[in-house]
């Protein structure tokens, strides 16, 4: 029906940068909401950044000023530019989207499979 695929994770040193991408494909009529979550080992999944339509993104306090969420709705894509990375940013990062599909009459919630980000010297 709809798939979300993340890419761009990897190993980076503290202070470094990574850019994550998420692409949605399938029976998409419109994307209402997109977000990045992360889950570190032994911790609950937490919201990192989110955006509703073309509004300004919202960020968790822990990443404000370091991370930037952007979208390209024409390509059904979302990005997360992560700068000045810290060891505490190490986690699996997940793409989340609420999408009105062409095969339903409701907005459905979708998740990607996750991409690992490791910040270590």
C-alpha atoms as a PDB file:
ATOM      1  CA  UNK A   1       0.000   0.000   0.000  1.00  0.00           C
ATOM      2  CA  UNK A   2       2.441   2.633   1.218  1.00  0.00           C
ATOM      3  CA  UNK A   3       6.098   2.175   2.082  1.00  0.00           C
ATOM      4  CA  UNK A   4       8.515   4.491   3.866  1.00  0.00           C
ATOM      5  CA  UNK A   5      12.218   3.927   3.339  1.00  0.00           C
ATOM      6  CA  UNK A   6      14.932   5.725   5.267  1.00  0.00           C
ATOM      7  CA  UNK A   7      18.556   6.130   4.249  1.00  0.00           C
ATOM      8  CA  UNK A   8      21.623   8.122   5.221  1.00  0.00           C
ATOM      9  CA  UNK A   9      22.496   6.667   8.596  1.00  0.00           C
ATOM     10  CA  UNK A  10      25.990   5.640   9.548  1.00  0.00           C
ATOM     11  CA  UNK A  11      28.928   6.106  11.883  1.00  0.00           C
ATOM     12  CA  UNK A  12      30.117   9.649  12.542  1.00  0.00           C
ATOM     13  CA  UNK A  13      32.439  11.280  15.040  1.00  0.00           C
ATOM     14  CA  UNK A  14      31.123  13.705  17.660  1.00  0.00           C
ATOM     15  CA  UNK A  15      30.664  17.117  16.085  1.00  0.00           C
ATOM     16  CA  UNK A  16      30.061  15.610  12.672  1.00  0.00           C
ATOM     17  CA  UNK A  17      27.030  15.731  10.408  1.00  0.00           C
ATOM     18  CA  UNK A  18      24.664  13.331   8.688  1.00  0.00           C
ATOM     19  CA  UNK A  19      21.671  13.830   6.442  1.00  0.00           C
ATOM     20  CA  UNK A  20      18.836  11.338   6.657  1.00  0.00           C
ATOM     21  CA  UNK A  21      16.308  10.860   3.880  1.00  0.00           C
ATOM     22  CA  UNK A  22      12.874   9.287   3.862  1.00  0.00           C
ATOM     23  CA  UNK A  23      10.919   8.519   0.728  1.00  0.00           C
ATOM     24  CA  UNK A  24       7.297   7.455   0.657  1.00  0.00           C
ATOM     25  CA  UNK A  25       5.936   5.365  -2.192  1.00  0.00           C
ATOM     26  CA  UNK A  26       2.733   3.576  -3.079  1.00  0.00           C
ATOM     27  CA  UNK A  27      -0.907   4.587  -3.058  1.00  0.00           C
ATOM     28  CA  UNK A  28      -0.398   8.155  -1.852  1.00  0.00           C
ATOM     29  CA  UNK A  29      -3.044  10.828  -2.331  1.00  0.00           C
ATOM     30  CA  UNK A  30      -1.593  13.341   0.101  1.00  0.00           C
ATOM     31  CA  UNK A  31       0.835  13.484   3.003  1.00  0.00           C
ATOM     32  CA  UNK A  32      -0.587  15.312   5.999  1.00  0.00           C
ATOM     33  CA  UNK A  33       2.184  14.942   8.531  1.00  0.00           C
ATOM     34  CA  UNK A  34       5.767  13.701   8.619  1.00  0.00           C
ATOM     35  CA  UNK A  35       8.113  13.136  11.516  1.00  0.00           C
ATOM     36  CA  UNK A  36      11.406  11.680  12.612  1.00  0.00           C
ATOM     37  CA  UNK A  37      11.553   9.508  15.712  1.00  0.00           C
ATOM     38  CA  UNK A  38      14.512   7.784  17.291  1.00  0.00           C
ATOM     39  CA  UNK A  39      15.018   4.907  19.666  1.00  0.00           C
ATOM     40  CA  UNK A  40      18.213   4.293  21.596  1.00  0.00           C
ATOM     41  CA  UNK A  41      18.971   0.912  23.183  1.00  0.00           C
ATOM     42  CA  UNK A  42      16.935   0.403  26.346  1.00  0.00           C
ATOM     43  CA  UNK A  43      14.892   3.532  25.773  1.00  0.00           C
ATOM     44  CA  UNK A  44      11.462   4.323  24.431  1.00  0.00           C
ATOM     45  CA  UNK A  45      10.991   5.684  20.939  1.00  0.00           C
ATOM     46  CA  UNK A  46      10.952   9.488  21.080  1.00  0.00           C
ATOM     47  CA  UNK A  47       9.853  12.231  18.730  1.00  0.00           C
ATOM     48  CA  UNK A  48      12.757  14.210  17.305  1.00  0.00           C
ATOM     49  CA  UNK A  49      11.114  16.543  14.788  1.00  0.00           C
ATOM     50  CA  UNK A  50       7.786  16.848  13.012  1.00  0.00           C
ATOM     51  CA  UNK A  51       5.986  18.930  10.438  1.00  0.00           C
ATOM     52  CA  UNK A  52       2.346  19.384   9.431  1.00  0.00           C
ATOM     53  CA  UNK A  53       2.003  20.180   5.762  1.00  0.00           C
ATOM     54  CA  UNK A  54       3.958  23.303   4.913  1.00  0.00           C
ATOM     55  CA  UNK A  55       4.047  24.643   8.479  1.00  0.00           C
ATOM     56  CA  UNK A  56       7.341  25.266  10.247  1.00  0.00           C
ATOM     57  CA  UNK A  57       8.804  22.101  11.791  1.00  0.00           C
ATOM     58  CA  UNK A  58       8.806  21.455  15.515  1.00  0.00           C
ATOM     59  CA  UNK A  59      11.811  20.034  17.329  1.00  0.00           C
ATOM     60  CA  UNK A  60      12.573  18.308  20.569  1.00  0.00           C
ATOM     61  CA  UNK A  61      14.601  20.574  22.846  1.00  0.00           C
ATOM     62  CA  UNK A  62      17.540  18.167  22.688  1.00  0.00           C
ATOM     63  CA  UNK A  63      18.057  18.793  18.957  1.00  0.00           C
ATOM     64  CA  UNK A  64      16.987  22.423  18.539  1.00  0.00           C
ATOM     65  CA  UNK A  65      19.621  24.418  16.715  1.00  0.00           C
ATOM     66  CA  UNK A  66      21.413  21.273  15.540  1.00  0.00           C
ATOM     67  CA  UNK A  67      18.851  19.370  13.452  1.00  0.00           C
ATOM     68  CA  UNK A  68      16.763  20.674  10.558  1.00  0.00           C
ATOM     69  CA  UNK A  69      13.755  18.907   9.038  1.00  0.00           C
ATOM     70  CA  UNK A  70      12.815  19.657   5.462  1.00  0.00           C
ATOM     71  CA  UNK A  71      10.389  18.202   2.972  1.00  0.00           C
ATOM     72  CA  UNK A  72       9.903  17.831  -0.772  1.00  0.00           C
ATOM     73  CA  UNK A  73       6.272  16.871  -1.112  1.00  0.00           C
ATOM     74  CA  UNK A  74       6.514  16.786  -4.894  1.00  0.00           C
ATOM     75  CA  UNK A  75       8.818  13.784  -4.447  1.00  0.00           C
ATOM     76  CA  UNK A  76       7.140  12.492  -1.253  1.00  0.00           C
ATOM     77  CA  UNK A  77      10.386  12.968   0.608  1.00  0.00           C
ATOM     78  CA  UNK A  78      11.545  14.214   3.998  1.00  0.00           C
ATOM     79  CA  UNK A  79      15.043  14.974   5.185  1.00  0.00           C
ATOM     80  CA  UNK A  80      16.780  15.472   8.501  1.00  0.00           C
ATOM     81  CA  UNK A  81      20.011  17.433   8.474  1.00  0.00           C
ATOM     82  CA  UNK A  82      21.877  16.603  11.668  1.00  0.00           C
ATOM     83  CA  UNK A  83      24.811  18.804  12.628  1.00  0.00           C
ATOM     84  CA  UNK A  84      27.062  18.922  15.675  1.00  0.00           C
ATOM     85  CA  UNK A  85      26.135  15.354  16.492  1.00  0.00           C
ATOM     86  CA  UNK A  86      26.630  14.076  20.023  1.00  0.00           C
ATOM     87  CA  UNK A  87      26.983  10.574  21.434  1.00  0.00           C
ATOM     88  CA  UNK A  88      23.475  10.948  22.910  1.00  0.00           C
ATOM     89  CA  UNK A  89      22.125  11.154  19.363  1.00  0.00           C
ATOM     90  CA  UNK A  90      23.075   7.517  18.789  1.00  0.00           C
ATOM     91  CA  UNK A  91      19.874   5.645  17.973  1.00  0.00           C
ATOM     92  CA  UNK A  92      17.830   4.051  15.252  1.00  0.00           C
ATOM     93  CA  UNK A  93      16.005   6.839  13.436  1.00  0.00           C
ATOM     94  CA  UNK A  94      12.542   6.163  12.060  1.00  0.00           C
ATOM     95  CA  UNK A  95      10.485   8.007   9.500  1.00  0.00           C
ATOM     96  CA  UNK A  96       6.782   8.393  10.324  1.00  0.00           C
ATOM     97  CA  UNK A  97       4.043   9.765   8.125  1.00  0.00           C
ATOM     98  CA  UNK A  98       0.285  10.170   8.197  1.00  0.00           C
ATOM     99  CA  UNK A  99      -0.911   9.662   4.677  1.00  0.00           C
ATOM    100  CA  UNK A 100      -4.255   9.844   2.935  1.00  0.00           C
ATOM    101  CA  UNK A 101      -4.054   6.881   0.602  1.00  0.00           C
ATOM    102  CA  UNK A 102      -5.878   6.447  -2.672  1.00  0.00           C
ATOM    103  CA  UNK A 103      -7.225   3.111  -1.470  1.00  0.00           C
ATOM    104  CA  UNK A 104      -8.822   4.326   1.756  1.00  0.00           C
ATOM    105  CA  UNK A 105     -11.086   7.078   3.040  1.00  0.00           C
ATOM    106  CA  UNK A 106      -8.929   7.799   6.048  1.00  0.00           C
ATOM    107  CA  UNK A 107      -5.513   9.072   7.024  1.00  0.00           C
ATOM    108  CA  UNK A 108      -3.309   6.112   7.907  1.00  0.00           C
ATOM    109  CA  UNK A 109      -0.140   6.002   9.942  1.00  0.00           C
ATOM    110  CA  UNK A 110       3.020   4.514   8.428  1.00  0.00           C
ATOM    111  CA  UNK A 111       6.544   3.758   9.676  1.00  0.00           C
ATOM    112  CA  UNK A 112       9.825   3.098   7.976  1.00  0.00           C
ATOM    113  CA  UNK A 113      12.173   0.300   8.958  1.00  0.00           C
ATOM    114  CA  UNK A 114      14.711   2.624  10.569  1.00  0.00           C
ATOM    115  CA  UNK A 115      18.292   3.641   9.908  1.00  0.00           C
ATOM    116  CA  UNK A 116      21.087   3.397  12.461  1.00  0.00           C
ATOM    117  CA  UNK A 117      22.966   6.519  13.492  1.00  0.00           C
ATOM    118  CA  UNK A 118      26.034   5.967  15.629  1.00  0.00           C
ATOM    119  CA  UNK A 119      28.032   8.882  17.017  1.00  0.00           C
ATOM    120  CA  UNK A 120      31.347   7.720  18.383  1.00  0.00           C
ATOM    121  CA  UNK A 121      34.995   8.647  18.373  1.00  0.00           C
END
